[in-house]
Amino acid sequence: MAGHGRSPCASCKLLRRRCSKDCIFAPHFPPDQPHRFSIVHKVFGASNVNKMLQELPVHHRADAVSSLVYEASVRMKDPVYGCAGTISYLHNQVSQLQMQLAVAQAEILCIKMQQESSSSLLISSRHDAHENKGFVFQHSSFDSPREFINYSSSRNHVAQEPLKRESPWP
């Protein structure tokens, strides 16, 4: 605020206007961070940001400015998709990691099954054996973890192809 021994806010500096005592931009765009307002101004326009901030209660304005700065910076990097592109990219990464986790869990299960079969572990109950309720782990019908994974994936209709990593940024 120019008249009070302080320099004008980043907004008033960029717009080359006098920074008044009640400037709506001053608390959110300090003079030492001009890039924040510059990006927001390029994407949304100063008057639109001014209208948005005036419609919000004072205690919500800081969060709104933070969101506007983030959205504007992402929109500058990816003008077409903006935050939606980032969200989509991260969603694909989560899906890919979930698939990798499922494969690792299936491989662990297969290894455990092979260990049980190699030690010829026989699990049965004398009471249930007569009624065919017992079960036996004598040998696995799968020769490798990949064979087990392919079998279980084909039964559960899970896609076999890994997801492609596509970044929204060039």
C-alpha atoms as a PDB file:
ATOM      1  CA  MET A   1       0.000   0.000   0.000  1.00  0.00           C
ATOM      2  CA  ALA A   2       1.821   2.957  -1.366  1.00  0.00           C
ATOM      3  CA  GLY A   3       0.663   5.670   0.980  1.00  0.00           C
ATOM      4  CA  HIS A   4       1.546   3.759   4.139  1.00  0.00           C
ATOM      5  CA  GLY A   5       5.270   3.110   3.675  1.00  0.00           C
ATOM      6  CA  ARG A   6       4.683  -0.153   1.849  1.00  0.00           C
ATOM      7  CA  SER A   7       4.940  -0.909  -1.813  1.00  0.00           C
ATOM      8  CA  PRO A   8       1.785  -1.648  -3.811  1.00  0.00           C
ATOM      9  CA  CYS A   9       0.587  -5.238  -4.119  1.00  0.00           C
ATOM     10  CA  ALA A  10       1.616  -7.324  -7.126  1.00  0.00           C
ATOM     11  CA  SER A  11      -1.762  -6.756  -8.743  1.00  0.00           C
ATOM     12  CA  CYS A  12      -1.624  -2.974  -8.546  1.00  0.00           C
ATOM     13  CA  LYS A  13       1.994  -2.986  -9.750  1.00  0.00           C
ATOM     14  CA  LEU A  14       1.112  -5.072 -12.807  1.00  0.00           C
ATOM     15  CA  LEU A  15      -2.021  -3.091 -13.575  1.00  0.00           C
ATOM     16  CA  ARG A  16      -0.159   0.180 -12.876  1.00  0.00           C
ATOM     17  CA  ARG A  17      -2.709   1.565 -10.528  1.00  0.00           C
ATOM     18  CA  ARG A  18      -2.684   3.029  -7.056  1.00  0.00           C
ATOM     19  CA  CYS A  19      -2.998   0.393  -4.328  1.00  0.00           C
ATOM     20  CA  SER A  20      -5.693   1.558  -1.929  1.00  0.00           C
ATOM     21  CA  LYS A  21      -5.944   0.671   1.744  1.00  0.00           C
ATOM     22  CA  ASP A  22      -8.873  -1.681   1.052  1.00  0.00           C
ATOM     23  CA  CYS A  23      -7.421  -3.325  -2.093  1.00  0.00           C
ATOM     24  CA  ILE A  24      -8.978  -6.772  -2.382  1.00  0.00           C
ATOM     25  CA  PHE A  25      -5.830  -8.181  -4.002  1.00  0.00           C
ATOM     26  CA  ALA A  26      -3.268  -6.894  -1.441  1.00  0.00           C
ATOM     27  CA  PRO A  27      -3.660  -9.670   1.181  1.00  0.00           C
ATOM     28  CA  HIS A  28      -3.327 -12.406  -1.436  1.00  0.00           C
ATOM     29  CA  PHE A  29      -0.819 -11.053  -3.942  1.00  0.00           C
ATOM     30  CA  PRO A  30       2.119  -9.567  -2.008  1.00  0.00           C
ATOM     31  CA  PRO A  31       4.589  -7.331  -3.848  1.00  0.00           C
ATOM     32  CA  ASP A  32       7.387  -9.894  -3.521  1.00  0.00           C
ATOM     33  CA  GLN A  33       5.405 -12.514  -5.498  1.00  0.00           C
ATOM     34  CA  PRO A  34       4.424 -10.798  -8.751  1.00  0.00           C
ATOM     35  CA  HIS A  35       4.413 -14.061 -10.745  1.00  0.00           C
ATOM     36  CA  ARG A  36       1.346 -15.322  -8.820  1.00  0.00           C
ATOM     37  CA  PHE A  37      -0.878 -12.461  -9.947  1.00  0.00           C
ATOM     38  CA  SER A  38       0.668 -12.385 -13.407  1.00  0.00           C
ATOM     39  CA  ILE A  39      -0.352 -15.988 -14.100  1.00  0.00           C
ATOM     40  CA  VAL A  40      -3.834 -15.568 -12.625  1.00  0.00           C
ATOM     41  CA  HIS A  41      -4.332 -12.359 -14.601  1.00  0.00           C
ATOM     42  CA  LYS A  42      -3.281 -14.032 -17.896  1.00  0.00           C
ATOM     43  CA  VAL A  43      -5.681 -16.938 -17.456  1.00  0.00           C
ATOM     44  CA  PHE A  44      -8.687 -15.442 -15.676  1.00  0.00           C
ATOM     45  CA  GLY A  45      -8.361 -11.662 -16.040  1.00  0.00           C
ATOM     46  CA  ALA A  46      -8.103  -9.166 -13.197  1.00  0.00           C
ATOM     47  CA  SER A  47     -11.739  -8.090 -13.262  1.00  0.00           C
ATOM     48  CA  ASN A  48     -13.007 -11.689 -13.136  1.00  0.00           C
ATOM     49  CA  VAL A  49     -10.737 -12.470 -10.200  1.00  0.00           C
ATOM     50  CA  ASN A  50     -11.898  -9.264  -8.508  1.00  0.00           C
ATOM     51  CA  LYS A  51     -15.560 -10.294  -8.961  1.00  0.00           C
ATOM     52  CA  MET A  52     -14.899 -13.809  -7.656  1.00  0.00           C
ATOM     53  CA  LEU A  53     -13.124 -12.543  -4.560  1.00  0.00           C
ATOM     54  CA  GLN A  54     -15.823  -9.970  -3.801  1.00  0.00           C
ATOM     55  CA  GLU A  55     -18.510 -12.673  -3.903  1.00  0.00           C
ATOM     56  CA  LEU A  56     -16.670 -14.849  -1.369  1.00  0.00           C
ATOM     57  CA  PRO A  57     -16.612 -14.415   2.399  1.00  0.00           C
ATOM     58  CA  VAL A  58     -13.266 -13.037   3.606  1.00  0.00           C
ATOM     59  CA  HIS A  59     -12.293 -16.300   5.339  1.00  0.00           C
ATOM     60  CA  HIS A  60     -12.579 -18.253   2.038  1.00  0.00           C
ATOM     61  CA  ARG A  61     -10.610 -15.854  -0.150  1.00  0.00           C
ATOM     62  CA  ALA A  62      -7.133 -17.216   0.645  1.00  0.00           C
ATOM     63  CA  ASP A  63      -8.184 -20.735  -0.374  1.00  0.00           C
ATOM     64  CA  ALA A  64      -9.810 -19.397  -3.537  1.00  0.00           C
ATOM     65  CA  VAL A  65      -6.661 -17.490  -4.497  1.00  0.00           C
ATOM     66  CA  SER A  66      -4.547 -20.577  -3.855  1.00  0.00           C
ATOM     67  CA  SER A  67      -6.825 -22.604  -6.138  1.00  0.00           C
ATOM     68  CA  LEU A  68      -6.809 -19.913  -8.813  1.00  0.00           C
ATOM     69  CA  VAL A  69      -3.008 -19.727  -8.770  1.00  0.00           C
ATOM     70  CA  TYR A  70      -2.719 -23.508  -9.061  1.00  0.00           C
ATOM     71  CA  GLU A  71      -5.320 -23.784 -11.833  1.00  0.00           C
ATOM     72  CA  ALA A  72      -3.728 -20.899 -13.732  1.00  0.00           C
ATOM     73  CA  SER A  73      -0.226 -22.385 -13.505  1.00  0.00           C
ATOM     74  CA  VAL A  74      -1.456 -25.786 -14.706  1.00  0.00           C
ATOM     75  CA  ARG A  75      -3.523 -24.118 -17.446  1.00  0.00           C
ATOM     76  CA  MET A  76      -0.369 -22.342 -18.652  1.00  0.00           C
ATOM     77  CA  LYS A  77       1.418 -25.713 -18.957  1.00  0.00           C
ATOM     78  CA  ASP A  78      -1.560 -27.522 -20.474  1.00  0.00           C
ATOM     79  CA  PRO A  79      -3.958 -25.004 -22.060  1.00  0.00           C
ATOM     80  CA  VAL A  80      -6.375 -27.652 -23.319  1.00  0.00           C
ATOM     81  CA  TYR A  81      -6.938 -29.922 -20.325  1.00  0.00           C
ATOM     82  CA  GLY A  82      -5.567 -27.952 -17.360  1.00  0.00           C
ATOM     83  CA  CYS A  83      -6.185 -29.664 -14.017  1.00  0.00           C
ATOM     84  CA  ALA A  84      -8.422 -32.278 -15.648  1.00  0.00           C
ATOM     85  CA  GLY A  85      -5.424 -33.526 -17.626  1.00  0.00           C
ATOM     86  CA  THR A  86      -3.357 -33.804 -14.454  1.00  0.00           C
ATOM     87  CA  ILE A  87      -6.157 -35.642 -12.673  1.00  0.00           C
ATOM     88  CA  SER A  88      -6.552 -38.040 -15.590  1.00  0.00           C
ATOM     89  CA  TYR A  89      -2.794 -38.684 -15.705  1.00  0.00           C
ATOM     90  CA  LEU A  90      -2.673 -39.393 -11.959  1.00  0.00           C
ATOM     91  CA  HIS A  91      -5.755 -41.616 -12.182  1.00  0.00           C
ATOM     92  CA  ASN A  92      -4.032 -43.691 -14.868  1.00  0.00           C
ATOM     93  CA  GLN A  93      -0.945 -43.980 -12.681  1.00  0.00           C
ATOM     94  CA  VAL A  94      -3.067 -45.194  -9.749  1.00  0.00           C
ATOM     95  CA  SER A  95      -4.749 -47.773 -11.992  1.00  0.00           C
ATOM     96  CA  GLN A  96      -1.391 -48.982 -13.259  1.00  0.00           C
ATOM     97  CA  LEU A  97      -0.006 -49.272  -9.733  1.00  0.00           C
ATOM     98  CA  GLN A  98      -3.103 -51.175  -8.603  1.00  0.00           C
ATOM     99  CA  MET A  99      -2.565 -53.610 -11.473  1.00  0.00           C
ATOM    100  CA  GLN A 100       1.097 -54.035 -10.527  1.00  0.00           C
ATOM    101  CA  LEU A 101       0.077 -54.652  -6.916  1.00  0.00           C
ATOM    102  CA  ALA A 102      -2.436 -57.299  -8.001  1.00  0.00           C
ATOM    103  CA  VAL A 103       0.224 -59.026 -10.110  1.00  0.00           C
ATOM    104  CA  ALA A 104       2.692 -58.976  -7.212  1.00  0.00           C
ATOM    105  CA  GLN A 105       0.067 -60.378  -4.835  1.00  0.00           C
ATOM    106  CA  ALA A 106      -0.755 -63.136  -7.334  1.00  0.00           C
ATOM    107  CA  GLU A 107       2.930 -63.979  -7.694  1.00  0.00           C
ATOM    108  CA  ILE A 108       3.289 -64.183  -3.894  1.00  0.00           C
ATOM    109  CA  LEU A 109       0.271 -66.471  -3.715  1.00  0.00           C
ATOM    110  CA  CYS A 110       1.668 -68.664  -6.473  1.00  0.00           C
ATOM    111  CA  ILE A 111       5.056 -68.898  -4.757  1.00  0.00           C
ATOM    112  CA  LYS A 112       3.356 -69.858  -1.501  1.00  0.00           C
ATOM    113  CA  MET A 113       1.370 -72.520  -3.328  1.00  0.00           C
ATOM    114  CA  GLN A 114       4.546 -73.880  -4.943  1.00  0.00           C
ATOM    115  CA  GLN A 115       6.311 -73.962  -1.575  1.00  0.00           C
ATOM    116  CA  GLU A 116       3.414 -75.854  -0.062  1.00  0.00           C
ATOM    117  CA  SER A 117       3.356 -78.312  -2.944  1.00  0.00           C
ATOM    118  CA  SER A 118       7.102 -78.893  -2.885  1.00  0.00           C
ATOM    119  CA  SER A 119       6.990 -79.838   0.780  1.00  0.00           C
ATOM    120  CA  SER A 120       4.097 -82.207   0.006  1.00  0.00           C
ATOM    121  CA  LEU A 121       1.958 -80.602   2.641  1.00  0.00           C
ATOM    122  CA  LEU A 122      -1.163 -82.618   3.120  1.00  0.00           C
ATOM    123  CA  ILE A 123      -4.005 -80.897   4.858  1.00  0.00           C
ATOM    124  CA  SER A 124      -6.994 -82.980   5.616  1.00  0.00           C
ATOM    125  CA  SER A 125      -9.260 -83.957   8.406  1.00  0.00           C
ATOM    126  CA  ARG A 126     -10.187 -87.560   9.148  1.00  0.00           C
ATOM    127  CA  HIS A 127     -13.798 -86.566   9.773  1.00  0.00           C
ATOM    128  CA  ASP A 128     -14.101 -84.622   6.538  1.00  0.00           C
ATOM    129  CA  ALA A 129     -12.150 -87.058   4.353  1.00  0.00           C
ATOM    130  CA  HIS A 130     -14.974 -89.562   4.405  1.00  0.00           C
ATOM    131  CA  GLU A 131     -17.474 -86.896   3.320  1.00  0.00           C
ATOM    132  CA  ASN A 132     -15.144 -85.409   0.638  1.00  0.00           C
ATOM    133  CA  LYS A 133     -14.921 -82.135   2.496  1.00  0.00           C
ATOM    134  CA  GLY A 134     -11.140 -82.258   3.059  1.00  0.00           C
ATOM    135  CA  PHE A 135      -8.688 -80.611   0.749  1.00  0.00           C
ATOM    136  CA  VAL A 136      -5.210 -81.504  -0.335  1.00  0.00           C
ATOM    137  CA  PHE A 137      -2.313 -79.354  -1.479  1.00  0.00           C
ATOM    138  CA  GLN A 138      -0.075 -81.962  -3.019  1.00  0.00           C
ATOM    139  CA  HIS A 139       1.013 -80.337  -6.216  1.00  0.00           C
ATOM    140  CA  SER A 140       0.176 -77.170  -8.126  1.00  0.00           C
ATOM    141  CA  SER A 141      -1.185 -77.357 -11.646  1.00  0.00           C
ATOM    142  CA  PHE A 142       0.730 -74.165 -12.483  1.00  0.00           C
ATOM    143  CA  ASP A 143       4.356 -74.314 -13.551  1.00  0.00           C
ATOM    144  CA  SER A 144       5.147 -70.616 -13.050  1.00  0.00           C
ATOM    145  CA  PRO A 145       3.727 -67.475 -11.399  1.00  0.00           C
ATOM    146  CA  ARG A 146       2.993 -66.024 -14.844  1.00  0.00           C
ATOM    147  CA  GLU A 147       0.900 -69.090 -15.760  1.00  0.00           C
ATOM    148  CA  PHE A 148      -1.114 -68.633 -12.563  1.00  0.00           C
ATOM    149  CA  ILE A 149      -1.556 -64.908 -13.215  1.00  0.00           C
ATOM    150  CA  ASN A 150      -2.683 -65.488 -16.795  1.00  0.00           C
ATOM    151  CA  TYR A 151      -5.125 -68.161 -15.617  1.00  0.00           C
ATOM    152  CA  SER A 152      -6.586 -66.032 -12.834  1.00  0.00           C
ATOM    153  CA  SER A 153      -6.730 -62.949 -15.061  1.00  0.00           C
ATOM    154  CA  SER A 154      -8.545 -64.791 -17.821  1.00  0.00           C
ATOM    155  CA  ARG A 155     -11.075 -66.126 -15.341  1.00  0.00           C
ATOM    156  CA  ASN A 156     -11.724 -62.696 -13.835  1.00  0.00           C
ATOM    157  CA  HIS A 157     -11.679 -60.887 -17.181  1.00  0.00           C
ATOM    158  CA  VAL A 158      -8.838 -58.568 -16.145  1.00  0.00           C
ATOM    159  CA  ALA A 159      -6.966 -56.782 -18.906  1.00  0.00           C
ATOM    160  CA  GLN A 160      -3.566 -58.299 -19.638  1.00  0.00           C
ATOM    161  CA  GLU A 161      -1.974 -55.314 -21.340  1.00  0.00           C
ATOM    162  CA  PRO A 162      -0.220 -52.836 -19.038  1.00  0.00           C
ATOM    163  CA  LEU A 163      -1.619 -49.324 -19.011  1.00  0.00           C
ATOM    164  CA  LYS A 164       0.248 -46.796 -21.062  1.00  0.00           C
ATOM    165  CA  ARG A 165       1.903 -43.926 -19.250  1.00  0.00           C
ATOM    166  CA  GLU A 166       0.821 -40.751 -20.892  1.00  0.00           C
ATOM    167  CA  SER A 167       1.934 -37.493 -19.403  1.00  0.00           C
ATOM    168  CA  PRO A 168      -0.190 -34.381 -19.977  1.00  0.00           C
ATOM    169  CA  TRP A 169       3.054 -32.438 -20.255  1.00  0.00           C
ATOM    170  CA  PRO A 170       5.266 -32.514 -23.339  1.00  0.00           C
END
